[in-house]
Amino acid sequence: MEWWELGLWGLFGGFIVDGLEFWRLVRSNGGVWPVQYRSFASVAAEIVRLIAGAGLAIAFGKSGQVTGAIGAVAIGAAAPLIVEKLAQQLPSLPTPPEENKP
């Protein structure tokens, strides 16, 4: 599978997660756009999340960990959890020593 195909499937997986939640909120709100989706920050955060899902799907696919569309969709949907678990594996940054105060 080509890298761009993996990326598109990863985007689709990410969209499924938040797209279905968005649809549920609009439907339960009488067709009105939910307040939490009206800010630029919310839209920007969603774009970053979708790009992360696509990037992870490409990375997993190119490394041979994912070989098909379903795997790439699953990676895109699970991107926030994958990033969280990877971040937990990083060593903690050292805290700077306290300066001597006169």
N, C-alpha and C. Protein backbone atom coordinates (compact mmCIF):
# COMPACT_ATOMS: atom_id res chain seq x y z
N MET A 1 0.85 -1.17 0.00
CA MET A 1 0.00 0.00 0.00
C MET A 1 0.89 1.24 0.00
N GLU A 2 0.56 2.21 -0.81
CA GLU A 2 1.34 3.45 -0.91
C GLU A 2 1.16 4.30 0.35
N TRP A 3 2.13 5.19 0.60
CA TRP A 3 2.11 6.02 1.80
C TRP A 3 0.88 6.91 1.84
N TRP A 4 0.48 7.45 0.68
CA TRP A 4 -0.67 8.37 0.67
C TRP A 4 -1.97 7.62 0.93
N GLU A 5 -2.03 6.36 0.52
CA GLU A 5 -3.22 5.55 0.83
C GLU A 5 -3.30 5.29 2.33
N LEU A 6 -2.17 4.95 2.92
CA LEU A 6 -2.14 4.75 4.37
C LEU A 6 -2.58 6.01 5.09
N GLY A 7 -2.08 7.16 4.63
CA GLY A 7 -2.44 8.44 5.25
C GLY A 7 -3.92 8.74 5.14
N LEU A 8 -4.50 8.48 3.98
CA LEU A 8 -5.94 8.73 3.80
C LEU A 8 -6.77 7.81 4.68
N TRP A 9 -6.37 6.54 4.78
CA TRP A 9 -7.09 5.64 5.67
C TRP A 9 -6.95 6.07 7.13
N GLY A 10 -5.75 6.55 7.50
CA GLY A 10 -5.56 7.07 8.86
C GLY A 10 -6.42 8.29 9.13
N LEU A 11 -6.51 9.20 8.14
CA LEU A 11 -7.41 10.35 8.28
C LEU A 11 -8.84 9.90 8.47
N PHE A 12 -9.26 8.93 7.69
CA PHE A 12 -10.62 8.41 7.79
C PHE A 12 -10.88 7.83 9.18
N GLY A 13 -9.91 7.09 9.72
CA GLY A 13 -10.06 6.52 11.06
C GLY A 13 -10.21 7.60 12.12
N GLY A 14 -9.42 8.66 12.01
CA GLY A 14 -9.55 9.77 12.95
C GLY A 14 -10.87 10.48 12.80
N PHE A 15 -11.32 10.63 11.56
CA PHE A 15 -12.59 11.30 11.32
C PHE A 15 -13.76 10.50 11.87
N ILE A 16 -13.69 9.19 11.77
CA ILE A 16 -14.77 8.34 12.29
C ILE A 16 -15.01 8.63 13.76
N VAL A 17 -13.94 8.69 14.53
CA VAL A 17 -14.07 8.89 15.98
C VAL A 17 -14.78 10.20 16.30
N ASP A 18 -14.23 11.31 15.83
CA ASP A 18 -14.81 12.61 16.17
C ASP A 18 -16.01 12.96 15.31
N GLY A 19 -16.06 12.45 14.09
CA GLY A 19 -17.20 12.72 13.22
C GLY A 19 -18.48 12.14 13.77
N LEU A 20 -18.41 10.93 14.27
CA LEU A 20 -19.61 10.31 14.85
C LEU A 20 -20.02 11.01 16.14
N GLU A 21 -19.05 11.43 16.94
CA GLU A 21 -19.38 12.17 18.16
C GLU A 21 -20.02 13.51 17.82
N PHE A 22 -19.47 14.19 16.83
CA PHE A 22 -20.02 15.47 16.39
C PHE A 22 -21.46 15.29 15.90
N TRP A 23 -21.69 14.28 15.08
CA TRP A 23 -23.03 14.00 14.56
C TRP A 23 -24.01 13.75 15.70
N ARG A 24 -23.59 12.97 16.70
CA ARG A 24 -24.44 12.68 17.85
C ARG A 24 -24.79 13.94 18.62
N LEU A 25 -23.79 14.82 18.81
CA LEU A 25 -24.03 16.07 19.54
C LEU A 25 -24.97 17.00 18.77
N VAL A 26 -24.78 17.12 17.46
CA VAL A 26 -25.66 17.96 16.65
C VAL A 26 -27.08 17.42 16.69
N ARG A 27 -27.21 16.13 16.56
CA ARG A 27 -28.54 15.51 16.56
C ARG A 27 -29.24 15.69 17.91
N SER A 28 -28.51 15.53 19.01
CA SER A 28 -29.13 15.68 20.33
C SER A 28 -29.35 17.14 20.71
N ASN A 29 -28.74 18.07 19.95
CA ASN A 29 -28.87 19.50 20.22
C ASN A 29 -29.86 20.15 19.26
N GLY A 30 -30.72 19.37 18.66
CA GLY A 30 -31.75 19.91 17.77
C GLY A 30 -31.19 20.46 16.46
N GLY A 31 -30.08 19.91 15.99
CA GLY A 31 -29.50 20.36 14.73
C GLY A 31 -28.60 21.57 14.85
N VAL A 32 -28.36 22.04 16.06
CA VAL A 32 -27.51 23.22 16.29
C VAL A 32 -26.06 22.77 16.49
N TRP A 33 -25.14 23.49 15.87
CA TRP A 33 -23.71 23.22 15.98
C TRP A 33 -23.30 23.33 17.45
N PRO A 34 -22.68 22.29 18.04
CA PRO A 34 -22.28 22.34 19.45
C PRO A 34 -21.28 23.46 19.74
N VAL A 35 -21.41 24.06 20.91
CA VAL A 35 -20.57 25.19 21.30
C VAL A 35 -19.09 24.84 21.27
N GLN A 36 -18.72 23.65 21.73
CA GLN A 36 -17.30 23.29 21.80
C GLN A 36 -16.64 23.18 20.44
N TYR A 37 -17.42 23.14 19.36
CA TYR A 37 -16.84 23.06 18.01
C TYR A 37 -16.86 24.40 17.29
N ARG A 38 -17.19 25.47 17.97
CA ARG A 38 -17.29 26.78 17.33
C ARG A 38 -16.01 27.60 17.38
N SER A 39 -15.03 27.21 18.14
CA SER A 39 -13.82 28.01 18.28
C SER A 39 -12.74 27.57 17.30
N PHE A 40 -11.87 28.51 16.96
CA PHE A 40 -10.74 28.20 16.09
C PHE A 40 -9.82 27.19 16.75
N ALA A 41 -9.64 27.31 18.06
CA ALA A 41 -8.76 26.39 18.77
C ALA A 41 -9.26 24.95 18.66
N SER A 42 -10.55 24.76 18.73
CA SER A 42 -11.13 23.42 18.61
C SER A 42 -10.89 22.85 17.22
N VAL A 43 -11.09 23.67 16.20
CA VAL A 43 -10.86 23.23 14.82
C VAL A 43 -9.38 22.92 14.61
N ALA A 44 -8.50 23.78 15.12
CA ALA A 44 -7.06 23.56 14.98
C ALA A 44 -6.63 22.27 15.68
N ALA A 45 -7.16 22.04 16.87
CA ALA A 45 -6.83 20.82 17.60
C ALA A 45 -7.29 19.59 16.84
N GLU A 46 -8.45 19.65 16.23
CA GLU A 46 -8.95 18.51 15.46
C GLU A 46 -8.08 18.27 14.22
N ILE A 47 -7.65 19.33 13.57
CA ILE A 47 -6.78 19.18 12.41
C ILE A 47 -5.46 18.53 12.81
N VAL A 48 -4.89 18.96 13.92
CA VAL A 48 -3.64 18.36 14.42
C VAL A 48 -3.86 16.89 14.72
N ARG A 49 -4.98 16.55 15.33
CA ARG A 49 -5.28 15.16 15.66
C ARG A 49 -5.42 14.30 14.40
N LEU A 50 -6.09 14.84 13.40
CA LEU A 50 -6.26 14.10 12.14
C LEU A 50 -4.92 13.90 11.43
N ILE A 51 -4.08 14.93 11.43
CA ILE A 51 -2.77 14.82 10.80
C ILE A 51 -1.89 13.81 11.56
N ALA A 52 -1.99 13.82 12.88
CA ALA A 52 -1.24 12.85 13.68
C ALA A 52 -1.68 11.43 13.36
N GLY A 53 -2.98 11.23 13.21
CA GLY A 53 -3.50 9.91 12.85
C GLY A 53 -3.01 9.45 11.49
N ALA A 54 -3.00 10.38 10.52
CA ALA A 54 -2.51 10.05 9.18
C ALA A 54 -1.02 9.73 9.24
N GLY A 55 -0.26 10.55 9.96
CA GLY A 55 1.19 10.32 10.07
C GLY A 55 1.52 9.00 10.74
N LEU A 56 0.80 8.68 11.79
CA LEU A 56 1.04 7.40 12.46
C LEU A 56 0.67 6.22 11.56
N ALA A 57 -0.42 6.35 10.81
CA ALA A 57 -0.81 5.28 9.88
C ALA A 57 0.28 5.07 8.83
N ILE A 58 0.84 6.17 8.33
CA ILE A 58 1.94 6.07 7.36
C ILE A 58 3.16 5.41 8.00
N ALA A 59 3.52 5.85 9.19
CA ALA A 59 4.69 5.29 9.86
C ALA A 59 4.52 3.80 10.15
N PHE A 60 3.37 3.43 10.67
CA PHE A 60 3.12 2.01 10.95
C PHE A 60 3.10 1.20 9.66
N GLY A 61 2.52 1.76 8.61
CA GLY A 61 2.45 1.05 7.34
C GLY A 61 3.81 0.87 6.70
N LYS A 62 4.61 1.92 6.69
CA LYS A 62 5.92 1.85 6.06
C LYS A 62 6.89 0.99 6.84
N SER A 63 6.64 0.80 8.13
CA SER A 63 7.51 -0.07 8.92
C SER A 63 7.05 -1.52 8.87
N GLY A 64 5.94 -1.78 8.18
CA GLY A 64 5.45 -3.14 8.05
C GLY A 64 4.52 -3.58 9.17
N GLN A 65 4.21 -2.70 10.09
CA GLN A 65 3.33 -3.04 11.21
C GLN A 65 1.87 -3.11 10.78
N VAL A 66 1.52 -2.34 9.73
CA VAL A 66 0.16 -2.31 9.18
C VAL A 66 0.28 -2.61 7.70
N THR A 67 -0.54 -3.53 7.21
CA THR A 67 -0.46 -3.89 5.80
C THR A 67 -1.73 -3.61 5.03
N GLY A 68 -2.80 -3.21 5.70
CA GLY A 68 -4.05 -3.00 5.00
C GLY A 68 -4.82 -1.80 5.50
N ALA A 69 -5.95 -1.58 4.85
CA ALA A 69 -6.78 -0.41 5.14
C ALA A 69 -7.35 -0.45 6.56
N ILE A 70 -7.81 -1.60 7.00
CA ILE A 70 -8.41 -1.69 8.34
C ILE A 70 -7.39 -1.34 9.42
N GLY A 71 -6.18 -1.80 9.26
CA GLY A 71 -5.13 -1.46 10.23
C GLY A 71 -4.84 0.02 10.25
N ALA A 72 -4.78 0.65 9.06
CA ALA A 72 -4.52 2.08 8.99
C ALA A 72 -5.68 2.88 9.59
N VAL A 73 -6.92 2.43 9.37
CA VAL A 73 -8.09 3.08 9.97
C VAL A 73 -8.00 2.98 11.49
N ALA A 74 -7.64 1.81 11.99
CA ALA A 74 -7.53 1.62 13.44
C ALA A 74 -6.44 2.50 14.04
N ILE A 75 -5.31 2.65 13.35
CA ILE A 75 -4.24 3.51 13.84
C ILE A 75 -4.72 4.96 13.87
N GLY A 76 -5.40 5.40 12.82
CA GLY A 76 -5.93 6.77 12.79
C GLY A 76 -6.91 7.03 13.91
N ALA A 77 -7.76 6.06 14.19
CA ALA A 77 -8.75 6.22 15.27
C ALA A 77 -8.09 6.21 16.64
N ALA A 78 -7.02 5.43 16.79
CA ALA A 78 -6.36 5.30 18.09
C ALA A 78 -5.20 6.25 18.27
N ALA A 79 -4.99 7.18 17.36
CA ALA A 79 -3.82 8.07 17.40
C ALA A 79 -3.61 8.76 18.75
N PRO A 80 -4.64 9.37 19.36
CA PRO A 80 -4.38 10.03 20.65
C PRO A 80 -3.87 9.07 21.73
N LEU A 81 -4.42 7.87 21.76
CA LEU A 81 -3.97 6.89 22.75
C LEU A 81 -2.54 6.42 22.45
N ILE A 82 -2.23 6.22 21.17
CA ILE A 82 -0.88 5.81 20.79
C ILE A 82 0.14 6.87 21.19
N VAL A 83 -0.15 8.13 20.91
CA VAL A 83 0.76 9.22 21.25
C VAL A 83 0.92 9.31 22.77
N GLU A 84 -0.17 9.15 23.50
CA GLU A 84 -0.09 9.19 24.97
C GLU A 84 0.80 8.08 25.51
N LYS A 85 0.65 6.87 24.98
CA LYS A 85 1.46 5.74 25.44
C LYS A 85 2.93 5.91 25.05
N LEU A 86 3.18 6.44 23.86
CA LEU A 86 4.57 6.70 23.46
C LEU A 86 5.20 7.77 24.35
N ALA A 87 4.44 8.81 24.69
CA ALA A 87 4.96 9.87 25.55
C ALA A 87 5.30 9.36 26.94
N GLN A 88 4.55 8.38 27.42
CA GLN A 88 4.83 7.80 28.73
C GLN A 88 6.15 7.04 28.75
N GLN A 89 6.61 6.62 27.57
CA GLN A 89 7.87 5.87 27.49
C GLN A 89 9.09 6.78 27.47
N LEU A 90 8.88 8.07 27.24
CA LEU A 90 10.00 9.01 27.21
C LEU A 90 10.50 9.27 28.62
N PRO A 91 11.80 9.43 28.77
CA PRO A 91 12.30 9.75 30.12
C PRO A 91 11.85 11.15 30.52
N SER A 92 11.66 11.32 31.80
CA SER A 92 11.26 12.63 32.31
C SER A 92 12.39 13.62 32.14
N LEU A 93 12.03 14.85 31.86
CA LEU A 93 13.04 15.90 31.75
C LEU A 93 13.55 16.24 33.14
N PRO A 94 14.85 16.45 33.28
CA PRO A 94 15.38 16.80 34.60
C PRO A 94 14.92 18.20 34.99
N THR A 95 14.67 18.37 36.26
CA THR A 95 14.28 19.69 36.75
C THR A 95 15.53 20.50 37.03
N PRO A 96 15.51 21.78 36.68
CA PRO A 96 16.70 22.61 36.93
C PRO A 96 16.95 22.76 38.42
N PRO A 97 18.22 22.82 38.82
CA PRO A 97 18.52 23.01 40.25
C PRO A 97 18.07 24.39 40.70
N GLU A 98 17.67 24.45 41.95
CA GLU A 98 17.24 25.73 42.51
C GLU A 98 18.46 26.64 42.67
N GLU A 99 18.25 27.89 42.31
CA GLU A 99 19.34 28.85 42.47
C GLU A 99 19.47 29.26 43.92
N ASN A 100 20.71 29.54 44.32
CA ASN A 100 20.94 30.03 45.68
C ASN A 100 20.44 31.46 45.78
N LYS A 101 19.57 31.68 46.71
CA LYS A 101 19.02 33.03 46.90
C LYS A 101 19.75 33.70 48.05
N PRO A 102 20.11 35.00 47.87
CA PRO A 102 20.85 35.68 48.96
C PRO A 102 20.02 35.94 50.16
